[in-house]
Amino acid sequence: MNVRLGDATLEDLAAIVEIYNSTIPSRMVSADTEPVTVEQRLPWFYEHDPARRPIRVAEAEGEVVGWLSLSDFYDGRPAYNGTAEIGVYVKEGHRGKGIGGRMLGEAIRRAPALGISTLTAGAFTSNESSLDLFGRFGFERWAYFPRVAELDGGERDLVVLGLRLTADTIDDELLDPEEAERRITQFVTSADELPGPPIEELAEQVTALMQAAWADLEEIMDQKPHNKVLATQLLLGQRARVLQPDDPEQWRLFASSTLLSGIVVRNVEG
């Protein structure tokens, strides 16, 4: 099954809500006891900035079959900016096919570019499938709250899971330089008819962006390839955020740098 991951749009919200509501009757996943509506979820949707706290959807054959959200941790005060709470939901009939794992793996890889260094997740102890999923990606049990939820007269224990992101926990997508060049070229050429600088100028700007990022890192990294890759993602993500995506003269460069921050280019033989 060909699954595509992308940022959620408002048109996806109905499917997101439907998938979420489908988990409520089991009393295994959600602390909600009644279905929520699309209208109720609108504030939640608009709180998620794709550049910082995205909602991602998994699509197969034009249908949303899963979604993942990164949300502010605890009460969202500035000291917690580097920590995000993650939630993963897969549509009934598509569970057990690796969709949840693919979304979670992508979120872990993209987290540094979003300014996130710590991920947390909550799950009832009875939700063994979620605990297993997070466990496979290195999440550990950081807190335990006994009998904090009551559902249909039964009490549930809550486990808080956590993952501190380091070079060793980032499972990079390995791309050889030719594949990376193909992806960047495909993006640049597909934007040829859209507002913004000429393609030649955009290509030069993208090249300069990458060269500057690597040059700046030469002095601060100790020639460890993995650390350098991680730092490049962080640096490109930071530079993308200072660009203006609503400016016709900058938005394609913004998109290019965002694309680059999600692609890890590594010489596999090196």
C-alpha atoms as a PDB file:
ATOM      1  CA  MET A   1       0.000   0.000   0.000  1.00  0.00           C
ATOM      2  CA  ASN A   2       1.382   3.368  -1.065  1.00  0.00           C
ATOM      3  CA  VAL A   3       1.078   5.786   1.868  1.00  0.00           C
ATOM      4  CA  ARG A   4       1.883   9.483   1.562  1.00  0.00           C
ATOM      5  CA  LEU A   5       2.588  11.691   4.584  1.00  0.00           C
ATOM      6  CA  GLY A   6       1.862  15.417   4.593  1.00  0.00           C
ATOM      7  CA  ASP A   7       0.687  18.338   6.675  1.00  0.00           C
ATOM      8  CA  ALA A   8      -3.011  18.255   7.514  1.00  0.00           C
ATOM      9  CA  THR A   9      -5.311  20.761   5.855  1.00  0.00           C
ATOM     10  CA  LEU A  10      -8.670  22.015   7.044  1.00  0.00           C
ATOM     11  CA  GLU A  11     -10.285  19.658   4.531  1.00  0.00           C
ATOM     12  CA  ASP A  12      -8.682  16.743   6.414  1.00  0.00           C
ATOM     13  CA  LEU A  13     -10.225  17.699   9.752  1.00  0.00           C
ATOM     14  CA  ALA A  14     -13.442  15.728   9.263  1.00  0.00           C
ATOM     15  CA  ALA A  15     -11.453  12.543   8.607  1.00  0.00           C
ATOM     16  CA  ILE A  16      -9.170  13.287  11.566  1.00  0.00           C
ATOM     17  CA  VAL A  17     -12.180  13.664  13.855  1.00  0.00           C
ATOM     18  CA  GLU A  18     -13.766  10.494  12.471  1.00  0.00           C
ATOM     19  CA  ILE A  19     -10.642   8.456  13.169  1.00  0.00           C
ATOM     20  CA  TYR A  20     -10.356   9.916  16.667  1.00  0.00           C
ATOM     21  CA  ASN A  21     -14.012   9.221  17.471  1.00  0.00           C
ATOM     22  CA  SER A  22     -13.638   5.621  16.340  1.00  0.00           C
ATOM     23  CA  THR A  23     -11.235   5.015  19.248  1.00  0.00           C
ATOM     24  CA  ILE A  24     -13.562   6.299  21.979  1.00  0.00           C
ATOM     25  CA  PRO A  25     -15.919   3.280  22.354  1.00  0.00           C
ATOM     26  CA  SER A  26     -13.049   0.905  23.141  1.00  0.00           C
ATOM     27  CA  ARG A  27     -12.231   2.890  26.305  1.00  0.00           C
ATOM     28  CA  MET A  28      -8.606   1.944  25.615  1.00  0.00           C
ATOM     29  CA  VAL A  29      -7.232   5.005  23.853  1.00  0.00           C
ATOM     30  CA  SER A  30      -9.054   8.234  24.633  1.00  0.00           C
ATOM     31  CA  ALA A  31     -10.125   9.911  27.861  1.00  0.00           C
ATOM     32  CA  ASP A  32     -13.136  11.342  26.019  1.00  0.00           C
ATOM     33  CA  THR A  33     -16.364   9.505  26.705  1.00  0.00           C
ATOM     34  CA  GLU A  34     -18.476  11.038  23.921  1.00  0.00           C
ATOM     35  CA  PRO A  35     -17.654  11.763  20.263  1.00  0.00           C
ATOM     36  CA  VAL A  36     -16.273  15.198  19.452  1.00  0.00           C
ATOM     37  CA  THR A  37     -17.389  17.344  16.536  1.00  0.00           C
ATOM     38  CA  VAL A  38     -15.430  19.041  13.797  1.00  0.00           C
ATOM     39  CA  GLU A  39     -16.534  22.411  15.208  1.00  0.00           C
ATOM     40  CA  GLN A  40     -15.179  21.488  18.632  1.00  0.00           C
ATOM     41  CA  ARG A  41     -11.850  20.543  17.078  1.00  0.00           C
ATOM     42  CA  LEU A  42     -11.395  23.750  15.088  1.00  0.00           C
ATOM     43  CA  PRO A  43      -9.531  25.645  17.856  1.00  0.00           C
ATOM     44  CA  TRP A  44      -7.267  22.629  18.356  1.00  0.00           C
ATOM     45  CA  PHE A  45      -6.550  22.504  14.609  1.00  0.00           C
ATOM     46  CA  TYR A  46      -5.651  26.203  14.379  1.00  0.00           C
ATOM     47  CA  GLU A  47      -3.363  25.945  17.427  1.00  0.00           C
ATOM     48  CA  HIS A  48      -1.063  23.668  15.446  1.00  0.00           C
ATOM     49  CA  ASP A  49       1.491  25.641  13.435  1.00  0.00           C
ATOM     50  CA  PRO A  50       3.004  23.381  10.733  1.00  0.00           C
ATOM     51  CA  ALA A  51       6.389  25.034  11.279  1.00  0.00           C
ATOM     52  CA  ARG A  52       6.391  24.261  14.991  1.00  0.00           C
ATOM     53  CA  ARG A  53       3.590  21.899  16.105  1.00  0.00           C
ATOM     54  CA  PRO A  54       2.319  20.162  12.970  1.00  0.00           C
ATOM     55  CA  ILE A  55      -0.552  17.791  12.431  1.00  0.00           C
ATOM     56  CA  ARG A  56       0.494  15.169   9.894  1.00  0.00           C
ATOM     57  CA  VAL A  57      -1.816  12.878   7.945  1.00  0.00           C
ATOM     58  CA  ALA A  58      -1.171   9.563   6.225  1.00  0.00           C
ATOM     59  CA  GLU A  59      -3.072   9.160   2.960  1.00  0.00           C
ATOM     60  CA  ALA A  60      -3.604   6.026   0.901  1.00  0.00           C
ATOM     61  CA  GLU A  61      -5.497   6.153  -2.405  1.00  0.00           C
ATOM     62  CA  GLY A  62      -6.775   9.626  -1.583  1.00  0.00           C
ATOM     63  CA  GLU A  63      -8.109   8.615   1.849  1.00  0.00           C
ATOM     64  CA  VAL A  64      -6.812   9.769   5.230  1.00  0.00           C
ATOM     65  CA  VAL A  65      -5.913   6.550   7.039  1.00  0.00           C
ATOM     66  CA  GLY A  66      -4.037   7.986   9.997  1.00  0.00           C
ATOM     67  CA  TRP A  67      -2.826  11.145  11.655  1.00  0.00           C
ATOM     68  CA  LEU A  68      -0.227  12.369  14.122  1.00  0.00           C
ATOM     69  CA  SER A  69      -0.105  15.569  16.123  1.00  0.00           C
ATOM     70  CA  LEU A  70       2.671  17.358  17.984  1.00  0.00           C
ATOM     71  CA  SER A  71       1.214  19.557  20.709  1.00  0.00           C
ATOM     72  CA  ASP A  72       2.533  21.897  23.379  1.00  0.00           C
ATOM     73  CA  PHE A  73       3.674  20.118  26.505  1.00  0.00           C
ATOM     74  CA  TYR A  74       1.931  20.771  29.828  1.00  0.00           C
ATOM     75  CA  ASP A  75       0.724  24.390  29.849  1.00  0.00           C
ATOM     76  CA  GLY A  76       2.725  25.629  26.884  1.00  0.00           C
ATOM     77  CA  ARG A  77       4.904  28.106  28.772  1.00  0.00           C
ATOM     78  CA  PRO A  78       8.131  29.154  26.985  1.00  0.00           C
ATOM     79  CA  ALA A  79      10.448  26.963  29.033  1.00  0.00           C
ATOM     80  CA  TYR A  80       8.698  23.935  27.529  1.00  0.00           C
ATOM     81  CA  ASN A  81       9.121  25.035  23.898  1.00  0.00           C
ATOM     82  CA  GLY A  82      11.612  22.252  23.226  1.00  0.00           C
ATOM     83  CA  THR A  83       9.219  19.564  24.442  1.00  0.00           C
ATOM     84  CA  ALA A  84       6.160  18.350  22.555  1.00  0.00           C
ATOM     85  CA  GLU A  85       3.435  15.812  23.267  1.00  0.00           C
ATOM     86  CA  ILE A  86       2.786  13.348  20.482  1.00  0.00           C
ATOM     87  CA  GLY A  87      -0.436  11.553  19.566  1.00  0.00           C
ATOM     88  CA  VAL A  88      -0.855   8.869  16.883  1.00  0.00           C
ATOM     89  CA  TYR A  89      -4.147   7.518  15.520  1.00  0.00           C
ATOM     90  CA  VAL A  90      -4.791   5.047  12.687  1.00  0.00           C
ATOM     91  CA  LYS A  91      -8.088   4.326  10.989  1.00  0.00           C
ATOM     92  CA  GLU A  92      -9.828   1.051  11.760  1.00  0.00           C
ATOM     93  CA  GLY A  93      -9.080  -1.482   9.066  1.00  0.00           C
ATOM     94  CA  HIS A  94      -5.635  -0.015   8.488  1.00  0.00           C
ATOM     95  CA  ARG A  95      -4.123  -0.783  11.867  1.00  0.00           C
ATOM     96  CA  GLY A  96      -1.290  -3.259  12.124  1.00  0.00           C
ATOM     97  CA  LYS A  97       0.066  -2.289   8.696  1.00  0.00           C
ATOM     98  CA  GLY A  98       2.944  -0.127   9.862  1.00  0.00           C
ATOM     99  CA  ILE A  99       1.245   3.235   9.304  1.00  0.00           C
ATOM    100  CA  GLY A 100       1.559   4.330  12.928  1.00  0.00           C
ATOM    101  CA  GLY A 101       5.228   3.391  12.970  1.00  0.00           C
ATOM    102  CA  ARG A 102       5.929   5.262   9.758  1.00  0.00           C
ATOM    103  CA  MET A 103       4.291   8.432  11.094  1.00  0.00           C
ATOM    104  CA  LEU A 104       6.092   8.150  14.421  1.00  0.00           C
ATOM    105  CA  GLY A 105       9.447   7.562  12.770  1.00  0.00           C
ATOM    106  CA  GLU A 106       8.975  10.589  10.537  1.00  0.00           C
ATOM    107  CA  ALA A 107       8.012  12.746  13.538  1.00  0.00           C
ATOM    108  CA  ILE A 108      11.172  11.733  15.379  1.00  0.00           C
ATOM    109  CA  ARG A 109      13.341  12.528  12.349  1.00  0.00           C
ATOM    110  CA  ARG A 110      11.684  15.918  11.786  1.00  0.00           C
ATOM    111  CA  ALA A 111      11.579  16.978  15.438  1.00  0.00           C
ATOM    112  CA  PRO A 112      14.996  18.723  15.556  1.00  0.00           C
ATOM    113  CA  ALA A 113      14.065  20.939  12.589  1.00  0.00           C
ATOM    114  CA  LEU A 114      10.937  21.933  14.526  1.00  0.00           C
ATOM    115  CA  GLY A 115      12.990  22.960  17.550  1.00  0.00           C
ATOM    116  CA  ILE A 116      11.960  19.878  19.533  1.00  0.00           C
ATOM    117  CA  SER A 117      14.471  18.000  21.667  1.00  0.00           C
ATOM    118  CA  THR A 118      12.084  15.957  23.840  1.00  0.00           C
ATOM    119  CA  LEU A 119       8.929  14.032  22.943  1.00  0.00           C
ATOM    120  CA  THR A 120       6.331  12.788  25.410  1.00  0.00           C
ATOM    121  CA  ALA A 121       3.230  10.634  25.053  1.00  0.00           C
ATOM    122  CA  GLY A 122       0.519   9.391  27.384  1.00  0.00           C
ATOM    123  CA  ALA A 123      -1.185   6.003  27.265  1.00  0.00           C
ATOM    124  CA  PHE A 124      -3.405   3.912  29.495  1.00  0.00           C
ATOM    125  CA  THR A 125      -1.602   0.820  30.772  1.00  0.00           C
ATOM    126  CA  SER A 126      -4.324  -1.261  29.111  1.00  0.00           C
ATOM    127  CA  ASN A 127      -3.388   0.163  25.696  1.00  0.00           C
ATOM    128  CA  GLU A 128      -0.694  -2.376  24.974  1.00  0.00           C
ATOM    129  CA  SER A 129      -0.489  -1.675  21.230  1.00  0.00           C
ATOM    130  CA  SER A 130       0.410   1.989  21.818  1.00  0.00           C
ATOM    131  CA  LEU A 131       2.903   1.121  24.549  1.00  0.00           C
ATOM    132  CA  ASP A 132       4.533  -1.402  22.215  1.00  0.00           C
ATOM    133  CA  LEU A 133       4.666   1.095  19.341  1.00  0.00           C
ATOM    134  CA  PHE A 134       6.348   3.807  21.378  1.00  0.00           C
ATOM    135  CA  GLY A 135       8.641   1.266  23.002  1.00  0.00           C
ATOM    136  CA  ARG A 136       9.922   0.132  19.605  1.00  0.00           C
ATOM    137  CA  PHE A 137      11.053   3.703  18.943  1.00  0.00           C
ATOM    138  CA  GLY A 138      12.916   4.049  22.212  1.00  0.00           C
ATOM    139  CA  PHE A 139      10.315   5.780  24.408  1.00  0.00           C
ATOM    140  CA  GLU A 140      10.721   4.990  28.098  1.00  0.00           C
ATOM    141  CA  ARG A 141       8.272   5.131  31.000  1.00  0.00           C
ATOM    142  CA  TRP A 142       8.915   8.413  32.766  1.00  0.00           C
ATOM    143  CA  ALA A 143       5.856   8.646  35.006  1.00  0.00           C
ATOM    144  CA  TYR A 144       3.030   6.477  36.320  1.00  0.00           C
ATOM    145  CA  PHE A 145      -0.347   7.755  37.528  1.00  0.00           C
ATOM    146  CA  PRO A 146      -2.482   5.027  39.107  1.00  0.00           C
ATOM    147  CA  ARG A 147      -6.286   5.142  38.744  1.00  0.00           C
ATOM    148  CA  VAL A 148      -6.400   8.720  37.416  1.00  0.00           C
ATOM    149  CA  ALA A 149      -9.126   8.045  34.811  1.00  0.00           C
ATOM    150  CA  GLU A 150     -12.577   6.585  35.270  1.00  0.00           C
ATOM    151  CA  LEU A 151     -14.332   5.071  32.267  1.00  0.00           C
ATOM    152  CA  ASP A 152     -17.631   3.211  32.541  1.00  0.00           C
ATOM    153  CA  GLY A 153     -17.085   2.667  36.232  1.00  0.00           C
ATOM    154  CA  GLY A 154     -13.600   1.235  35.714  1.00  0.00           C
ATOM    155  CA  GLU A 155     -10.390   2.969  36.697  1.00  0.00           C
ATOM    156  CA  ARG A 156      -7.434   3.355  34.367  1.00  0.00           C
ATOM    157  CA  ASP A 157      -3.756   3.884  35.092  1.00  0.00           C
ATOM    158  CA  LEU A 158      -1.872   6.380  32.940  1.00  0.00           C
ATOM    159  CA  VAL A 159       1.732   6.010  31.817  1.00  0.00           C
ATOM    160  CA  VAL A 160       3.728   8.998  30.561  1.00  0.00           C
ATOM    161  CA  LEU A 161       6.357   8.002  28.041  1.00  0.00           C
ATOM    162  CA  GLY A 162       9.331  10.102  27.014  1.00  0.00           C
ATOM    163  CA  LEU A 163      12.090  10.212  24.449  1.00  0.00           C
ATOM    164  CA  ARG A 164      15.075  12.521  24.646  1.00  0.00           C
ATOM    165  CA  LEU A 165      16.334  13.163  21.131  1.00  0.00           C
ATOM    166  CA  THR A 166      20.058  12.733  20.610  1.00  0.00           C
ATOM    167  CA  ALA A 167      22.182  11.797  17.613  1.00  0.00           C
ATOM    168  CA  ASP A 168      21.726   8.141  18.548  1.00  0.00           C
ATOM    169  CA  THR A 169      17.922   8.296  18.654  1.00  0.00           C
ATOM    170  CA  ILE A 170      17.417   9.993  15.276  1.00  0.00           C
ATOM    171  CA  ASP A 171      16.784   7.290  12.686  1.00  0.00           C
ATOM    172  CA  ASP A 172      17.870   9.243   9.633  1.00  0.00           C
ATOM    173  CA  GLU A 173      16.467   8.769   6.175  1.00  0.00           C
ATOM    174  CA  LEU A 174      19.546   7.872   4.166  1.00  0.00           C
ATOM    175  CA  LEU A 175      19.663   9.520   0.759  1.00  0.00           C
ATOM    176  CA  ASP A 176      22.588   9.474  -1.567  1.00  0.00           C
ATOM    177  CA  PRO A 177      23.473  12.832  -3.109  1.00  0.00           C
ATOM    178  CA  GLU A 178      21.913  11.941  -6.475  1.00  0.00           C
ATOM    179  CA  GLU A 179      18.532  11.170  -4.899  1.00  0.00           C
ATOM    180  CA  ALA A 180      18.667  14.361  -2.839  1.00  0.00           C
ATOM    181  CA  GLU A 181      19.491  16.373  -5.967  1.00  0.00           C
ATOM    182  CA  ARG A 182      16.575  14.728  -7.798  1.00  0.00           C
ATOM    183  CA  ARG A 183      14.120  15.680  -5.067  1.00  0.00           C
ATOM    184  CA  ILE A 184      15.337  19.265  -4.868  1.00  0.00           C
ATOM    185  CA  THR A 185      15.329  19.632  -8.652  1.00  0.00           C
ATOM    186  CA  GLN A 186      11.817  18.208  -8.828  1.00  0.00           C
ATOM    187  CA  PHE A 187      10.615  20.768  -6.302  1.00  0.00           C
ATOM    188  CA  VAL A 188      12.364  23.695  -7.966  1.00  0.00           C
ATOM    189  CA  THR A 189      11.194  22.891 -11.489  1.00  0.00           C
ATOM    190  CA  SER A 190       7.617  22.199 -10.415  1.00  0.00           C
ATOM    191  CA  ALA A 191       7.480  25.730  -9.028  1.00  0.00           C
ATOM    192  CA  ASP A 192       8.566  27.312 -12.318  1.00  0.00           C
ATOM    193  CA  GLU A 193       5.162  28.819 -13.101  1.00  0.00           C
ATOM    194  CA  LEU A 194       4.545  30.130  -9.591  1.00  0.00           C
ATOM    195  CA  PRO A 195       5.388  33.554  -8.095  1.00  0.00           C
ATOM    196  CA  GLY A 196       8.900  34.076  -6.861  1.00  0.00           C
ATOM    197  CA  PRO A 197      12.441  34.492  -8.171  1.00  0.00           C
ATOM    198  CA  PRO A 198      13.498  32.861 -11.461  1.00  0.00           C
ATOM    199  CA  ILE A 199      14.434  29.211 -11.246  1.00  0.00           C
ATOM    200  CA  GLU A 200      18.122  29.915 -11.839  1.00  0.00           C
ATOM    201  CA  GLU A 201      18.167  32.445  -9.007  1.00  0.00           C
ATOM    202  CA  LEU A 202      16.255  30.122  -6.696  1.00  0.00           C
ATOM    203  CA  ALA A 203      18.673  27.287  -7.423  1.00  0.00           C
ATOM    204  CA  GLU A 204      21.590  29.591  -6.593  1.00  0.00           C
ATOM    205  CA  GLN A 205      19.920  30.654  -3.350  1.00  0.00           C
ATOM    206  CA  VAL A 206      19.285  27.042  -2.339  1.00  0.00           C
ATOM    207  CA  THR A 207      22.894  26.110  -3.126  1.00  0.00           C
ATOM    208  CA  ALA A 208      24.173  29.085  -1.143  1.00  0.00           C
ATOM    209  CA  LEU A 209      21.914  28.143   1.754  1.00  0.00           C
ATOM    210  CA  MET A 210      23.350  24.641   1.910  1.00  0.00           C
ATOM    211  CA  GLN A 211      26.959  25.800   1.472  1.00  0.00           C
ATOM    212  CA  ALA A 212      26.576  28.387   4.214  1.00  0.00           C
ATOM    213  CA  ALA A 213      25.031  25.836   6.565  1.00  0.00           C
ATOM    214  CA  TRP A 214      27.855  23.361   6.067  1.00  0.00           C
ATOM    215  CA  ALA A 215      30.544  26.054   6.286  1.00  0.00           C
ATOM    216  CA  ASP A 216      29.131  27.397   9.539  1.00  0.00           C
ATOM    217  CA  LEU A 217      29.161  23.905  11.005  1.00  0.00           C
ATOM    218  CA  GLU A 218      32.773  23.108  10.107  1.00  0.00           C
ATOM    219  CA  GLU A 219      34.108  25.006  13.105  1.00  0.00           C
ATOM    220  CA  ILE A 220      31.637  23.760  15.685  1.00  0.00           C
ATOM    221  CA  MET A 221      31.368  20.070  14.767  1.00  0.00           C
ATOM    222  CA  ASP A 222      34.128  17.540  15.370  1.00  0.00           C
ATOM    223  CA  GLN A 223      33.838  15.676  12.067  1.00  0.00           C
ATOM    224  CA  LYS A 224      31.227  13.256  13.388  1.00  0.00           C
ATOM    225  CA  PRO A 225      28.953  12.708  10.372  1.00  0.00           C
ATOM    226  CA  HIS A 226      25.800  11.960  12.341  1.00  0.00           C
ATOM    227  CA  ASN A 227      26.164  14.995  14.584  1.00  0.00           C
ATOM    228  CA  LYS A 228      26.817  17.159  11.558  1.00  0.00           C
ATOM    229  CA  VAL A 229      23.685  15.895   9.840  1.00  0.00           C
ATOM    230  CA  LEU A 230      21.581  16.586  12.927  1.00  0.00           C
ATOM    231  CA  ALA A 231      23.063  20.058  13.338  1.00  0.00           C
ATOM    232  CA  THR A 232      22.418  20.826   9.668  1.00  0.00           C
ATOM    233  CA  GLN A 233      18.758  19.937  10.106  1.00  0.00           C
ATOM    234  CA  LEU A 234      18.527  22.247  13.103  1.00  0.00           C
ATOM    235  CA  LEU A 235      20.326  25.094  11.357  1.00  0.00           C
ATOM    236  CA  LEU A 236      18.245  24.880   8.186  1.00  0.00           C
ATOM    237  CA  GLY A 237      15.056  24.711  10.229  1.00  0.00           C
ATOM    238  CA  GLN A 238      16.052  27.839  12.131  1.00  0.00           C
ATOM    239  CA  ARG A 239      16.876  29.711   8.926  1.00  0.00           C
ATOM    240  CA  ALA A 240      13.617  28.667   7.301  1.00  0.00           C
ATOM    241  CA  ARG A 241      11.674  30.190  10.181  1.00  0.00           C
ATOM    242  CA  VAL A 242      13.184  33.645   9.621  1.00  0.00           C
ATOM    243  CA  LEU A 243      12.031  33.677   5.996  1.00  0.00           C
ATOM    244  CA  GLN A 244       8.589  34.982   5.086  1.00  0.00           C
ATOM    245  CA  PRO A 245       6.476  32.234   3.451  1.00  0.00           C
ATOM    246  CA  ASP A 246       3.794  34.784   2.517  1.00  0.00           C
ATOM    247  CA  ASP A 247       6.284  36.948   0.619  1.00  0.00           C
ATOM    248  CA  PRO A 248       6.262  36.087  -3.119  1.00  0.00           C
ATOM    249  CA  GLU A 249       9.992  36.784  -3.249  1.00  0.00           C
ATOM    250  CA  GLN A 250      10.812  34.437  -0.380  1.00  0.00           C
ATOM    251  CA  TRP A 251       8.209  31.722  -0.159  1.00  0.00           C
ATOM    252  CA  ARG A 252       9.854  29.300  -2.575  1.00  0.00           C
ATOM    253  CA  LEU A 253      13.175  29.687  -0.798  1.00  0.00           C
ATOM    254  CA  PHE A 254      11.296  29.076   2.456  1.00  0.00           C
ATOM    255  CA  ALA A 255       9.796  25.911   0.977  1.00  0.00           C
ATOM    256  CA  SER A 256      13.174  24.796  -0.363  1.00  0.00           C
ATOM    257  CA  SER A 257      14.927  25.251   2.966  1.00  0.00           C
ATOM    258  CA  THR A 258      12.072  23.477   4.730  1.00  0.00           C
ATOM    259  CA  LEU A 259      12.415  20.610   2.266  1.00  0.00           C
ATOM    260  CA  LEU A 260      16.164  20.490   2.831  1.00  0.00           C
ATOM    261  CA  SER A 261      15.763  20.442   6.601  1.00  0.00           C
ATOM    262  CA  GLY A 262      13.727  17.248   6.257  1.00  0.00           C
ATOM    263  CA  ILE A 263      16.192  15.503   3.958  1.00  0.00           C
ATOM    264  CA  VAL A 264      19.300  13.925   5.410  1.00  0.00           C
ATOM    265  CA  VAL A 265      22.060  13.629   2.842  1.00  0.00           C
ATOM    266  CA  ARG A 266      24.807  11.299   3.901  1.00  0.00           C
ATOM    267  CA  ASN A 267      27.655   9.684   2.001  1.00  0.00           C
ATOM    268  CA  VAL A 268      26.875   6.059   2.762  1.00  0.00           C
ATOM    269  CA  GLU A 269      30.448   4.996   1.957  1.00  0.00           C
ATOM    270  CA  GLY A 270      31.958   7.665   4.212  1.00  0.00           C
END
